[in-house]
Structures are given as C-alpha cells and as structure tokens.
C-alpha cells in the first residue's frame, strides 16, 4: 500500500492549516472523523481535504512528526551539561515511554494500523541520526569506550524500542512504566559499559 502524499504547504497560512489539523487530530484522538478535526482546527473541510484527503493521511503525518520530535528530545537530553550516564539513560527511556505529546491510544493506533512502509524511510533516517549522536556522546562519556560501541548502542536501542512497542500493544501484560524503566536502565548500563569485547560473542 502506497503511503499518502506528504503535505507540502508553501505559504505561511497553509503551513498553519496543516499544523492546526495535526494538533486537532492529536487532541481529539485516533477515532475522530475528518469533519470534527476540521471544526476543532478552525478550518473548512475543503482546506483540510487539500492536504489530508483521509484520516490515514493524518495518521501518517502525525507519525512523521513523532519521529522528528523524539530525535529533538534525545538531542536535548544529550546536550545537558554534566549529564551522567545513568541519568541520561533514564531520561531517554522516560522520553521513549512518554512519547512526543501523543496519547497512548493514538500511539497504539499508529503502531497497529499504520503500514510500516509509510514511515520506514523517515524512521530509518531518524534512527541513523539518533544512534550516531548517542554513540558519539557515549564515546565522550565512557572512561574506556568499547571498540564495538556502535553495536552496543544498536542493541540498547532495540531493547528500549522493543519494550515500548510491546507495552503499547499488550498493556495488560506490561509491568508499570517505572518498573520497566528501572530494569531497562540497569540492562543498558551493562550493555554499554561492560568490559567484554566483540570477540567474546563472535562465533
């Protein structure tokens, strides 16, 4: 299934329409019809349809904005002065679970109903930037960075992403967010700073 076209408003007023529609959609939740979203955004239905012909196209834009926002949130955490490793990991995990200002219901809907192909390209680009920046930051934080640091960062990222995804999709199975974050931070500390080399697990 091809993704909906990305809205590309050129004028400032058009950009405001797109921003208002996305904000209204997030506020109203994933089951709001287009007419209700248009009313809350304060725009005409025709204006909304010019950029978002379907609710799915709004989902796609919300997803794109979520990826960009998470990247900026992680950058802000890493930019804090005198940030120790454990505190930074906890903040990153909290950010991953809290999400970029989108409700849990909305995030579940995006993960369940949005085809992976719609966001895969942007997600990969964002993740490349994020993993590179985290790896660079860690290289300056760890007293003796392991040679396979980028691999460890990928594993750590996978732990966090997987935990968030499973807790979103199966909330009844998940422990509390606080418990998950505690165990994740302890696991990440071991993954990122343990002294083993890549030779220890190469077969």
N, C-alpha and C. Protein backbone atom coordinates (compact mmCIF):
# COMPACT_ATOMS: atom_id res chain seq x y z
N UNK A 1 0.85 -1.19 0.00
CA UNK A 1 0.00 0.00 0.00
C UNK A 1 0.88 1.24 0.00
N UNK A 2 0.70 2.10 -0.98
CA UNK A 2 1.49 3.32 -1.06
C UNK A 2 1.09 4.29 0.03
N UNK A 3 2.07 4.99 0.60
CA UNK A 3 1.74 5.97 1.64
C UNK A 3 1.03 7.17 1.06
N UNK A 4 0.20 7.85 1.87
CA UNK A 4 -0.43 9.08 1.38
C UNK A 4 0.63 10.13 1.09
N UNK A 5 0.34 11.06 0.19
CA UNK A 5 1.33 12.10 -0.11
C UNK A 5 1.61 12.96 1.12
N UNK A 6 2.87 13.39 1.24
CA UNK A 6 3.24 14.26 2.35
C UNK A 6 2.73 15.66 2.06
N UNK A 7 2.00 16.28 3.00
CA UNK A 7 1.53 17.64 2.75
C UNK A 7 2.72 18.58 2.60
N UNK A 8 2.64 19.44 1.60
CA UNK A 8 3.77 20.34 1.34
C UNK A 8 3.27 21.77 1.16
N UNK A 9 2.76 22.37 2.24
CA UNK A 9 2.27 23.74 2.13
C UNK A 9 3.42 24.71 1.88
N UNK A 10 3.20 25.67 0.99
CA UNK A 10 4.24 26.62 0.64
C UNK A 10 4.08 27.94 1.39
N UNK A 11 2.85 28.41 1.53
CA UNK A 11 2.63 29.70 2.18
C UNK A 11 2.50 29.51 3.69
N UNK A 12 2.73 30.60 4.42
CA UNK A 12 2.66 30.54 5.88
C UNK A 12 1.27 30.15 6.35
N UNK A 13 0.21 30.67 5.69
CA UNK A 13 -1.15 30.33 6.12
C UNK A 13 -1.45 28.86 5.87
N UNK A 14 -0.91 28.30 4.80
CA UNK A 14 -1.10 26.88 4.52
C UNK A 14 -0.38 26.02 5.55
N UNK A 15 0.81 26.45 5.94
CA UNK A 15 1.55 25.73 6.98
C UNK A 15 0.78 25.76 8.30
N UNK A 16 0.12 26.88 8.57
CA UNK A 16 -0.68 26.99 9.79
C UNK A 16 -1.87 26.03 9.75
N UNK A 17 -2.46 25.86 8.58
CA UNK A 17 -3.58 24.93 8.44
C UNK A 17 -3.12 23.51 8.74
N UNK A 18 -2.02 23.10 8.15
CA UNK A 18 -1.50 21.75 8.38
C UNK A 18 -1.19 21.55 9.86
N UNK A 19 -0.53 22.52 10.49
CA UNK A 19 -0.19 22.41 11.91
C UNK A 19 -1.44 22.34 12.77
N UNK A 20 -2.46 23.14 12.43
CA UNK A 20 -3.70 23.15 13.21
C UNK A 20 -4.45 21.82 13.08
N UNK A 21 -4.46 21.25 11.89
CA UNK A 21 -5.15 19.98 11.66
C UNK A 21 -4.46 18.86 12.45
N UNK A 22 -3.13 18.82 12.39
CA UNK A 22 -2.40 17.79 13.11
C UNK A 22 -2.62 17.93 14.62
N UNK A 23 -2.55 19.15 15.12
CA UNK A 23 -2.77 19.39 16.56
C UNK A 23 -4.18 18.98 16.97
N UNK A 24 -5.17 19.30 16.15
CA UNK A 24 -6.55 18.94 16.46
C UNK A 24 -6.73 17.43 16.44
N UNK A 25 -6.12 16.76 15.49
CA UNK A 25 -6.23 15.30 15.39
C UNK A 25 -5.63 14.63 16.62
N UNK A 26 -4.49 15.12 17.07
CA UNK A 26 -3.85 14.55 18.26
C UNK A 26 -4.72 14.80 19.49
N UNK A 27 -5.27 16.00 19.58
CA UNK A 27 -6.10 16.35 20.74
C UNK A 27 -7.37 15.51 20.79
N UNK A 28 -8.01 15.31 19.65
CA UNK A 28 -9.30 14.61 19.60
C UNK A 28 -9.16 13.09 19.67
N UNK A 29 -7.99 12.59 19.35
CA UNK A 29 -7.78 11.15 19.43
C UNK A 29 -7.91 10.46 18.09
N UNK A 30 -7.51 9.19 18.03
CA UNK A 30 -7.39 8.49 16.75
C UNK A 30 -8.70 8.14 16.07
N UNK A 31 -9.81 8.23 16.78
CA UNK A 31 -11.09 7.84 16.18
C UNK A 31 -11.93 9.03 15.71
N UNK A 32 -11.39 10.23 15.78
CA UNK A 32 -12.14 11.42 15.39
C UNK A 32 -12.32 11.46 13.87
N UNK A 33 -13.55 11.78 13.39
CA UNK A 33 -13.76 11.90 11.94
C UNK A 33 -13.16 13.21 11.41
N UNK A 34 -12.96 13.25 10.09
CA UNK A 34 -12.36 14.43 9.48
C UNK A 34 -13.16 15.70 9.75
N UNK A 35 -14.49 15.59 9.74
CA UNK A 35 -15.32 16.78 9.95
C UNK A 35 -15.08 17.37 11.33
N UNK A 36 -14.94 16.51 12.33
CA UNK A 36 -14.71 17.00 13.69
C UNK A 36 -13.30 17.59 13.83
N UNK A 37 -12.35 16.98 13.15
CA UNK A 37 -10.99 17.51 13.18
C UNK A 37 -10.95 18.89 12.53
N UNK A 38 -11.64 19.05 11.39
CA UNK A 38 -11.68 20.34 10.70
C UNK A 38 -12.30 21.40 11.59
N UNK A 39 -13.39 21.05 12.27
CA UNK A 39 -14.06 22.02 13.14
C UNK A 39 -13.14 22.45 14.28
N UNK A 40 -12.47 21.47 14.93
CA UNK A 40 -11.59 21.82 16.03
C UNK A 40 -10.39 22.64 15.55
N UNK A 41 -9.91 22.35 14.35
CA UNK A 41 -8.77 23.09 13.81
C UNK A 41 -9.15 24.48 13.32
N UNK A 42 -10.46 24.72 13.17
CA UNK A 42 -10.91 26.01 12.70
C UNK A 42 -10.67 26.23 11.22
N UNK A 43 -10.75 25.15 10.45
CA UNK A 43 -10.56 25.26 9.00
C UNK A 43 -11.74 24.62 8.29
N UNK A 44 -11.94 25.02 7.05
CA UNK A 44 -13.01 24.43 6.26
C UNK A 44 -12.66 23.01 5.84
N UNK A 45 -13.69 22.23 5.57
CA UNK A 45 -13.46 20.85 5.15
C UNK A 45 -12.66 20.78 3.86
N UNK A 46 -12.93 21.71 2.95
CA UNK A 46 -12.19 21.72 1.68
C UNK A 46 -10.71 21.99 1.90
N UNK A 47 -10.40 22.89 2.82
CA UNK A 47 -9.00 23.18 3.12
C UNK A 47 -8.32 21.97 3.73
N UNK A 48 -9.02 21.29 4.62
CA UNK A 48 -8.45 20.09 5.23
C UNK A 48 -8.18 19.03 4.17
N UNK A 49 -9.16 18.81 3.28
CA UNK A 49 -9.01 17.76 2.26
C UNK A 49 -7.90 18.08 1.26
N UNK A 50 -7.56 19.35 1.12
CA UNK A 50 -6.48 19.71 0.20
C UNK A 50 -5.16 19.07 0.65
N UNK A 51 -4.97 18.96 1.95
CA UNK A 51 -3.72 18.41 2.49
C UNK A 51 -3.88 17.01 3.07
N UNK A 52 -5.08 16.71 3.53
CA UNK A 52 -5.32 15.41 4.17
C UNK A 52 -6.63 14.81 3.64
N UNK A 53 -6.56 14.07 2.54
CA UNK A 53 -7.79 13.53 1.95
C UNK A 53 -8.45 12.44 2.80
N UNK A 54 -7.69 11.81 3.70
CA UNK A 54 -8.24 10.75 4.54
C UNK A 54 -7.68 10.87 5.95
N UNK A 55 -8.34 10.18 6.89
CA UNK A 55 -7.81 10.13 8.25
C UNK A 55 -6.44 9.46 8.26
N UNK A 56 -6.27 8.46 7.40
CA UNK A 56 -4.98 7.76 7.32
C UNK A 56 -3.85 8.72 6.96
N UNK A 57 -4.13 9.69 6.11
CA UNK A 57 -3.08 10.65 5.75
C UNK A 57 -2.70 11.52 6.94
N UNK A 58 -3.65 11.77 7.83
CA UNK A 58 -3.33 12.50 9.07
C UNK A 58 -2.48 11.61 9.97
N UNK A 59 -2.85 10.34 10.10
CA UNK A 59 -2.04 9.40 10.88
C UNK A 59 -0.58 9.42 10.40
N UNK A 60 -0.41 9.38 9.09
CA UNK A 60 0.95 9.33 8.53
C UNK A 60 1.74 10.57 8.91
N UNK A 61 1.10 11.74 8.86
CA UNK A 61 1.80 12.98 9.20
C UNK A 61 2.10 13.04 10.70
N UNK A 62 1.16 12.59 11.53
CA UNK A 62 1.42 12.54 12.97
C UNK A 62 2.62 11.64 13.25
N UNK A 63 2.67 10.50 12.59
CA UNK A 63 3.79 9.58 12.77
C UNK A 63 5.10 10.24 12.37
N UNK A 64 5.11 10.93 11.24
CA UNK A 64 6.34 11.60 10.79
C UNK A 64 6.79 12.64 11.81
N UNK A 65 5.85 13.40 12.34
CA UNK A 65 6.20 14.42 13.31
C UNK A 65 6.70 13.81 14.61
N UNK A 66 6.14 12.66 14.99
CA UNK A 66 6.58 11.98 16.21
C UNK A 66 8.06 11.60 16.11
N UNK A 67 8.46 11.05 14.98
CA UNK A 67 9.86 10.66 14.82
C UNK A 67 10.78 11.87 14.94
N UNK A 68 10.41 12.97 14.29
CA UNK A 68 11.25 14.17 14.35
C UNK A 68 11.33 14.72 15.78
N UNK A 69 10.18 14.70 16.48
CA UNK A 69 10.15 15.23 17.83
C UNK A 69 11.00 14.40 18.78
N UNK A 70 10.92 13.08 18.67
CA UNK A 70 11.73 12.21 19.53
C UNK A 70 13.22 12.49 19.33
N UNK A 71 13.64 12.68 18.09
CA UNK A 71 15.04 12.99 17.82
C UNK A 71 15.46 14.27 18.53
N UNK A 72 14.62 15.30 18.45
CA UNK A 72 14.95 16.56 19.12
C UNK A 72 14.96 16.40 20.63
N UNK A 73 14.07 15.56 21.17
CA UNK A 73 14.06 15.33 22.61
C UNK A 73 15.34 14.64 23.08
N UNK A 74 15.79 13.65 22.32
CA UNK A 74 17.03 12.95 22.68
C UNK A 74 18.21 13.91 22.58
N UNK A 75 18.25 14.74 21.55
CA UNK A 75 19.33 15.72 21.42
C UNK A 75 19.37 16.66 22.62
N UNK A 76 18.20 17.07 23.08
CA UNK A 76 18.14 17.98 24.23
C UNK A 76 18.69 17.31 25.49
N UNK A 77 18.41 16.02 25.65
CA UNK A 77 18.93 15.28 26.81
C UNK A 77 20.45 15.21 26.76
N UNK A 78 20.98 14.87 25.59
CA UNK A 78 22.43 14.72 25.45
C UNK A 78 23.16 16.06 25.57
N UNK A 79 22.46 17.15 25.31
CA UNK A 79 23.09 18.47 25.35
C UNK A 79 23.18 19.04 26.76
N UNK A 80 22.56 18.40 27.73
CA UNK A 80 22.60 18.91 29.10
C UNK A 80 24.01 18.83 29.66
N UNK A 81 24.48 19.90 30.29
CA UNK A 81 25.84 19.86 30.86
C UNK A 81 25.91 18.95 32.07
N UNK A 82 27.05 18.32 32.25
CA UNK A 82 27.31 17.47 33.43
C UNK A 82 26.29 16.35 33.57
N UNK A 83 25.84 15.81 32.46
CA UNK A 83 24.86 14.72 32.47
C UNK A 83 25.60 13.39 32.63
N UNK A 84 25.34 12.67 33.74
CA UNK A 84 25.99 11.38 33.90
C UNK A 84 25.25 10.32 33.12
N UNK A 85 25.90 9.19 32.90
CA UNK A 85 25.36 8.16 32.01
C UNK A 85 24.03 7.61 32.51
N UNK A 86 23.94 7.24 33.78
CA UNK A 86 22.71 6.64 34.29
C UNK A 86 21.53 7.61 34.18
N UNK A 87 21.75 8.87 34.53
CA UNK A 87 20.68 9.86 34.44
C UNK A 87 20.22 10.07 33.00
N UNK A 88 21.20 10.10 32.09
CA UNK A 88 20.85 10.29 30.68
C UNK A 88 20.05 9.11 30.16
N UNK A 89 20.46 7.90 30.52
CA UNK A 89 19.72 6.71 30.08
C UNK A 89 18.30 6.72 30.62
N UNK A 90 18.15 7.11 31.88
CA UNK A 90 16.81 7.16 32.47
C UNK A 90 15.93 8.17 31.73
N UNK A 91 16.49 9.33 31.42
CA UNK A 91 15.71 10.35 30.71
C UNK A 91 15.32 9.88 29.31
N UNK A 92 16.26 9.24 28.62
CA UNK A 92 15.96 8.74 27.28
C UNK A 92 14.85 7.69 27.35
N UNK A 93 14.92 6.79 28.32
CA UNK A 93 13.89 5.76 28.47
C UNK A 93 12.54 6.40 28.82
N UNK A 94 12.54 7.37 29.71
CA UNK A 94 11.30 8.05 30.06
C UNK A 94 10.70 8.74 28.84
N UNK A 95 11.55 9.37 28.05
CA UNK A 95 11.08 10.02 26.83
C UNK A 95 10.47 9.01 25.87
N UNK A 96 11.11 7.85 25.74
CA UNK A 96 10.60 6.82 24.84
C UNK A 96 9.23 6.33 25.28
N UNK A 97 9.02 6.19 26.57
CA UNK A 97 7.73 5.71 27.07
C UNK A 97 6.67 6.81 27.09
N UNK A 98 7.08 8.03 27.40
CA UNK A 98 6.11 9.12 27.44
C UNK A 98 5.60 9.48 26.05
N UNK A 99 6.48 9.38 25.07
CA UNK A 99 6.09 9.75 23.72
C UNK A 99 6.11 11.26 23.53
N UNK A 100 6.11 11.70 22.30
CA UNK A 100 6.20 13.13 21.98
C UNK A 100 4.86 13.84 22.00
N UNK A 101 4.19 13.84 23.13
CA UNK A 101 2.93 14.58 23.26
C UNK A 101 1.74 13.93 22.59
N UNK A 102 1.79 12.63 22.38
CA UNK A 102 0.69 11.90 21.74
C UNK A 102 0.17 10.86 22.73
N UNK A 103 -1.14 10.75 22.84
CA UNK A 103 -1.74 9.85 23.82
C UNK A 103 -1.38 8.39 23.54
N UNK A 104 -1.50 7.56 24.58
CA UNK A 104 -1.23 6.13 24.42
C UNK A 104 -2.16 5.51 23.39
N UNK A 105 -3.44 5.91 23.42
CA UNK A 105 -4.40 5.37 22.44
C UNK A 105 -3.97 5.70 21.02
N UNK A 106 -3.50 6.92 20.83
CA UNK A 106 -3.08 7.33 19.49
C UNK A 106 -1.84 6.55 19.07
N UNK A 107 -0.89 6.38 20.00
CA UNK A 107 0.33 5.65 19.65
C UNK A 107 0.02 4.18 19.35
N UNK A 108 -0.92 3.58 20.09
CA UNK A 108 -1.31 2.20 19.80
C UNK A 108 -1.92 2.11 18.41
N UNK A 109 -2.77 3.07 18.07
CA UNK A 109 -3.41 3.08 16.76
C UNK A 109 -2.37 3.18 15.65
N UNK A 110 -1.39 4.06 15.84
CA UNK A 110 -0.36 4.23 14.83
C UNK A 110 0.44 2.94 14.64
N UNK A 111 0.76 2.27 15.75
CA UNK A 111 1.56 1.04 15.65
C UNK A 111 0.76 -0.13 15.09
N UNK A 112 -0.55 -0.15 15.32
CA UNK A 112 -1.38 -1.26 14.86
C UNK A 112 -1.89 -1.06 13.44
N UNK A 113 -2.27 0.18 13.11
CA UNK A 113 -2.99 0.43 11.86
C UNK A 113 -2.16 1.05 10.75
N UNK A 114 -1.02 1.62 11.10
CA UNK A 114 -0.24 2.30 10.07
C UNK A 114 0.73 1.32 9.43
N UNK A 115 0.65 1.11 8.11
CA UNK A 115 1.60 0.19 7.46
C UNK A 115 3.04 0.64 7.69
N UNK A 116 3.91 -0.30 7.96
CA UNK A 116 5.31 0.01 8.22
C UNK A 116 5.93 0.78 7.07
N UNK A 117 5.52 0.47 5.85
CA UNK A 117 6.11 1.11 4.68
C UNK A 117 5.87 2.63 4.66
N UNK A 118 4.82 3.09 5.37
CA UNK A 118 4.51 4.52 5.37
C UNK A 118 5.53 5.34 6.15
N UNK A 119 6.15 4.74 7.13
CA UNK A 119 7.06 5.51 7.98
C UNK A 119 8.49 4.95 7.98
N UNK A 120 8.71 3.85 7.28
CA UNK A 120 10.00 3.17 7.37
C UNK A 120 11.16 4.07 6.94
N UNK A 121 11.00 4.78 5.84
CA UNK A 121 12.09 5.61 5.34
C UNK A 121 12.48 6.70 6.32
N UNK A 122 11.48 7.44 6.82
CA UNK A 122 11.77 8.51 7.76
C UNK A 122 12.30 7.94 9.07
N UNK A 123 11.68 6.85 9.55
CA UNK A 123 12.12 6.24 10.81
C UNK A 123 13.58 5.84 10.71
N UNK A 124 13.97 5.23 9.60
CA UNK A 124 15.36 4.79 9.44
C UNK A 124 16.30 5.98 9.44
N UNK A 125 15.93 7.05 8.75
CA UNK A 125 16.78 8.24 8.70
C UNK A 125 16.94 8.85 10.08
N UNK A 126 15.84 8.92 10.83
CA UNK A 126 15.89 9.48 12.19
C UNK A 126 16.73 8.58 13.09
N UNK A 127 16.53 7.28 12.98
CA UNK A 127 17.27 6.36 13.84
C UNK A 127 18.77 6.40 13.54
N UNK A 128 19.15 6.55 12.28
CA UNK A 128 20.57 6.67 11.93
C UNK A 128 21.17 7.88 12.64
N UNK A 129 20.50 9.01 12.56
CA UNK A 129 20.99 10.21 13.23
C UNK A 129 21.06 10.02 14.73
N UNK A 130 20.00 9.45 15.29
CA UNK A 130 19.93 9.27 16.73
C UNK A 130 21.03 8.35 17.25
N UNK A 131 21.21 7.21 16.59
CA UNK A 131 22.21 6.25 17.03
C UNK A 131 23.62 6.81 16.87
N UNK A 132 23.86 7.54 15.80
CA UNK A 132 25.18 8.16 15.61
C UNK A 132 25.46 9.17 16.71
N UNK A 133 24.47 9.99 17.04
CA UNK A 133 24.68 11.03 18.04
C UNK A 133 24.83 10.43 19.44
N UNK A 134 24.07 9.39 19.74
CA UNK A 134 24.22 8.72 21.03
C UNK A 134 25.59 8.05 21.13
N UNK A 135 26.02 7.41 20.06
CA UNK A 135 27.34 6.76 20.06
C UNK A 135 28.45 7.78 20.28
N UNK A 136 28.37 8.91 19.60
CA UNK A 136 29.38 9.97 19.77
C UNK A 136 29.37 10.49 21.20
N UNK A 137 28.17 10.69 21.75
CA UNK A 137 28.06 11.20 23.13
C UNK A 137 28.66 10.20 24.12
N UNK A 138 28.33 8.93 23.95
CA UNK A 138 28.85 7.90 24.85
C UNK A 138 30.37 7.78 24.76
N UNK A 139 30.91 7.94 23.56
CA UNK A 139 32.36 7.85 23.38
C UNK A 139 33.08 8.90 24.20
N UNK A 140 32.40 10.02 24.45
CA UNK A 140 32.99 11.07 25.27
C UNK A 140 32.68 10.92 26.75
N UNK A 141 31.73 10.04 27.08
CA UNK A 141 31.32 9.86 28.47
C UNK A 141 32.01 8.68 29.14
N UNK A 142 32.16 7.59 28.40
CA UNK A 142 32.73 6.37 28.99
C UNK A 142 34.24 6.51 29.16
N UNK A 143 34.77 6.10 30.30
CA UNK A 143 36.21 6.23 30.52
C UNK A 143 37.03 5.36 29.57
N UNK A 144 36.48 4.24 29.15
CA UNK A 144 37.19 3.34 28.23
C UNK A 144 36.16 2.76 27.25
N UNK A 145 35.76 3.55 26.25
CA UNK A 145 34.70 3.10 25.33
C UNK A 145 35.07 1.80 24.64
N UNK A 146 34.18 0.83 24.60
CA UNK A 146 34.49 -0.42 23.90
C UNK A 146 34.61 -0.20 22.40
N UNK A 147 35.38 -1.05 21.75
CA UNK A 147 35.58 -0.91 20.31
C UNK A 147 34.29 -1.11 19.53
N UNK A 148 33.39 -1.91 20.09
CA UNK A 148 32.12 -2.20 19.41
C UNK A 148 30.98 -1.34 19.95
N UNK A 149 31.29 -0.10 20.31
CA UNK A 149 30.30 0.77 20.95
C UNK A 149 29.06 0.97 20.08
N UNK A 150 29.23 1.16 18.78
CA UNK A 150 28.07 1.39 17.92
C UNK A 150 27.14 0.18 17.91
N UNK A 151 27.73 -1.03 17.97
CA UNK A 151 26.91 -2.24 18.04
C UNK A 151 26.12 -2.27 19.35
N UNK A 152 26.78 -1.91 20.44
CA UNK A 152 26.11 -1.91 21.74
C UNK A 152 24.98 -0.88 21.78
N UNK A 153 25.21 0.27 21.14
CA UNK A 153 24.16 1.29 21.09
C UNK A 153 22.94 0.76 20.33
N UNK A 154 23.19 0.05 19.24
CA UNK A 154 22.08 -0.54 18.50
C UNK A 154 21.31 -1.53 19.35
N UNK A 155 22.02 -2.39 20.09
CA UNK A 155 21.37 -3.37 20.97
C UNK A 155 20.57 -2.65 22.05
N UNK A 156 21.15 -1.62 22.64
CA UNK A 156 20.46 -0.86 23.68
C UNK A 156 19.20 -0.20 23.12
N UNK A 157 19.33 0.38 21.94
CA UNK A 157 18.17 0.99 21.29
C UNK A 157 17.07 -0.04 21.04
N UNK A 158 17.47 -1.22 20.61
CA UNK A 158 16.49 -2.28 20.34
C UNK A 158 15.76 -2.71 21.60
N UNK A 159 16.48 -2.78 22.72
CA UNK A 159 15.83 -3.09 24.00
C UNK A 159 14.74 -2.07 24.32
N UNK A 160 15.09 -0.80 24.19
CA UNK A 160 14.14 0.26 24.54
C UNK A 160 12.97 0.27 23.57
N UNK A 161 13.27 0.24 22.27
CA UNK A 161 12.19 0.29 21.26
C UNK A 161 11.27 -0.91 21.40
N UNK A 162 11.84 -2.09 21.62
CA UNK A 162 11.02 -3.28 21.77
C UNK A 162 10.16 -3.23 23.01
N UNK A 163 10.71 -2.75 24.12
CA UNK A 163 9.94 -2.67 25.36
C UNK A 163 8.78 -1.69 25.23
N UNK A 164 9.04 -0.56 24.58
CA UNK A 164 7.97 0.42 24.38
C UNK A 164 6.88 -0.17 23.50
N UNK A 165 7.29 -0.80 22.40
CA UNK A 165 6.31 -1.34 21.46
C UNK A 165 5.44 -2.43 22.10
N UNK A 166 6.07 -3.37 22.80
CA UNK A 166 5.30 -4.46 23.42
C UNK A 166 4.38 -3.92 24.50
N UNK A 167 4.84 -2.93 25.28
CA UNK A 167 3.98 -2.38 26.33
C UNK A 167 2.81 -1.61 25.74
N UNK A 168 3.00 -1.01 24.55
CA UNK A 168 1.90 -0.32 23.88
C UNK A 168 0.87 -1.30 23.34
N UNK A 169 1.36 -2.36 22.71
CA UNK A 169 0.46 -3.30 22.06
C UNK A 169 -0.21 -4.26 23.03
N UNK A 170 0.46 -4.55 24.15
CA UNK A 170 -0.09 -5.50 25.13
C UNK A 170 -0.03 -4.90 26.53
N UNK A 171 -0.77 -3.84 26.77
CA UNK A 171 -0.68 -3.14 28.06
C UNK A 171 -1.05 -4.03 29.25
N UNK A 172 -1.93 -5.01 29.07
CA UNK A 172 -2.32 -5.86 30.18
C UNK A 172 -1.18 -6.76 30.64
N UNK A 173 -0.22 -7.02 29.77
CA UNK A 173 0.92 -7.88 30.11
C UNK A 173 2.07 -7.09 30.72
N UNK A 174 2.04 -5.78 30.57
CA UNK A 174 3.20 -4.98 30.92
C UNK A 174 3.21 -4.58 32.39
N UNK A 175 4.39 -4.64 33.02
CA UNK A 175 4.50 -4.04 34.35
C UNK A 175 4.40 -2.53 34.24
N UNK A 176 4.46 -1.83 35.35
CA UNK A 176 4.35 -0.38 35.31
C UNK A 176 5.52 0.23 34.55
N UNK A 177 5.30 1.43 34.09
CA UNK A 177 6.35 2.13 33.35
C UNK A 177 7.61 2.28 34.22
N UNK A 178 7.42 2.59 35.50
CA UNK A 178 8.55 2.80 36.40
C UNK A 178 9.40 1.53 36.52
N UNK A 179 8.73 0.37 36.62
CA UNK A 179 9.45 -0.90 36.73
C UNK A 179 10.20 -1.18 35.43
N UNK A 180 9.54 -0.97 34.30
CA UNK A 180 10.19 -1.20 33.01
C UNK A 180 11.43 -0.32 32.86
N UNK A 181 11.30 0.96 33.19
CA UNK A 181 12.42 1.87 33.03
C UNK A 181 13.57 1.47 33.95
N UNK A 182 13.25 1.09 35.18
CA UNK A 182 14.31 0.67 36.11
C UNK A 182 15.11 -0.49 35.52
N UNK A 183 14.43 -1.53 35.06
CA UNK A 183 15.13 -2.70 34.52
C UNK A 183 15.86 -2.36 33.21
N UNK A 184 15.25 -1.51 32.40
CA UNK A 184 15.93 -1.12 31.17
C UNK A 184 17.22 -0.38 31.46
N UNK A 185 17.19 0.57 32.38
CA UNK A 185 18.40 1.34 32.69
C UNK A 185 19.50 0.41 33.20
N UNK A 186 19.15 -0.52 34.08
CA UNK A 186 20.16 -1.45 34.59
C UNK A 186 20.73 -2.32 33.46
N UNK A 187 19.87 -2.76 32.57
CA UNK A 187 20.33 -3.56 31.43
C UNK A 187 21.22 -2.74 30.50
N UNK A 188 20.80 -1.52 30.22
CA UNK A 188 21.57 -0.67 29.31
C UNK A 188 22.94 -0.33 29.89
N UNK A 189 23.00 -0.12 31.19
CA UNK A 189 24.29 0.16 31.82
C UNK A 189 25.26 -0.99 31.58
N UNK A 190 24.76 -2.21 31.69
CA UNK A 190 25.61 -3.38 31.47
C UNK A 190 26.01 -3.50 30.00
N UNK A 191 25.05 -3.30 29.11
CA UNK A 191 25.33 -3.44 27.68
C UNK A 191 26.36 -2.42 27.22
N UNK A 192 26.22 -1.19 27.69
CA UNK A 192 27.05 -0.10 27.16
C UNK A 192 28.41 0.00 27.83
N UNK A 193 28.54 -0.50 29.05
CA UNK A 193 29.79 -0.25 29.75
C UNK A 193 30.52 -1.50 30.23
N UNK A 194 29.98 -2.69 29.97
CA UNK A 194 30.69 -3.89 30.42
C UNK A 194 31.98 -4.05 29.62
N UNK A 195 32.93 -4.77 30.19
CA UNK A 195 34.28 -4.77 29.63
C UNK A 195 34.52 -5.82 28.55
N UNK A 196 33.50 -6.65 28.26
CA UNK A 196 33.74 -7.69 27.26
C UNK A 196 33.98 -7.08 25.89
N UNK A 197 34.69 -7.80 25.06
CA UNK A 197 34.96 -7.34 23.70
C UNK A 197 34.08 -8.10 22.73
N UNK A 198 34.07 -7.66 21.48
CA UNK A 198 33.27 -8.33 20.48
C UNK A 198 33.70 -9.77 20.28
N UNK A 199 34.98 -10.06 20.61
CA UNK A 199 35.48 -11.43 20.44
C UNK A 199 34.79 -12.39 21.39
N UNK A 200 34.23 -11.88 22.50
CA UNK A 200 33.59 -12.73 23.47
C UNK A 200 32.31 -13.37 22.94
N UNK A 201 31.68 -12.74 21.94
CA UNK A 201 30.44 -13.32 21.44
C UNK A 201 30.49 -13.56 19.94
N UNK A 202 31.65 -13.57 19.36
CA UNK A 202 31.75 -13.91 17.94
C UNK A 202 31.93 -15.43 17.84
N UNK A 203 31.22 -16.03 16.91
CA UNK A 203 31.31 -17.48 16.79
C UNK A 203 31.85 -17.85 15.42
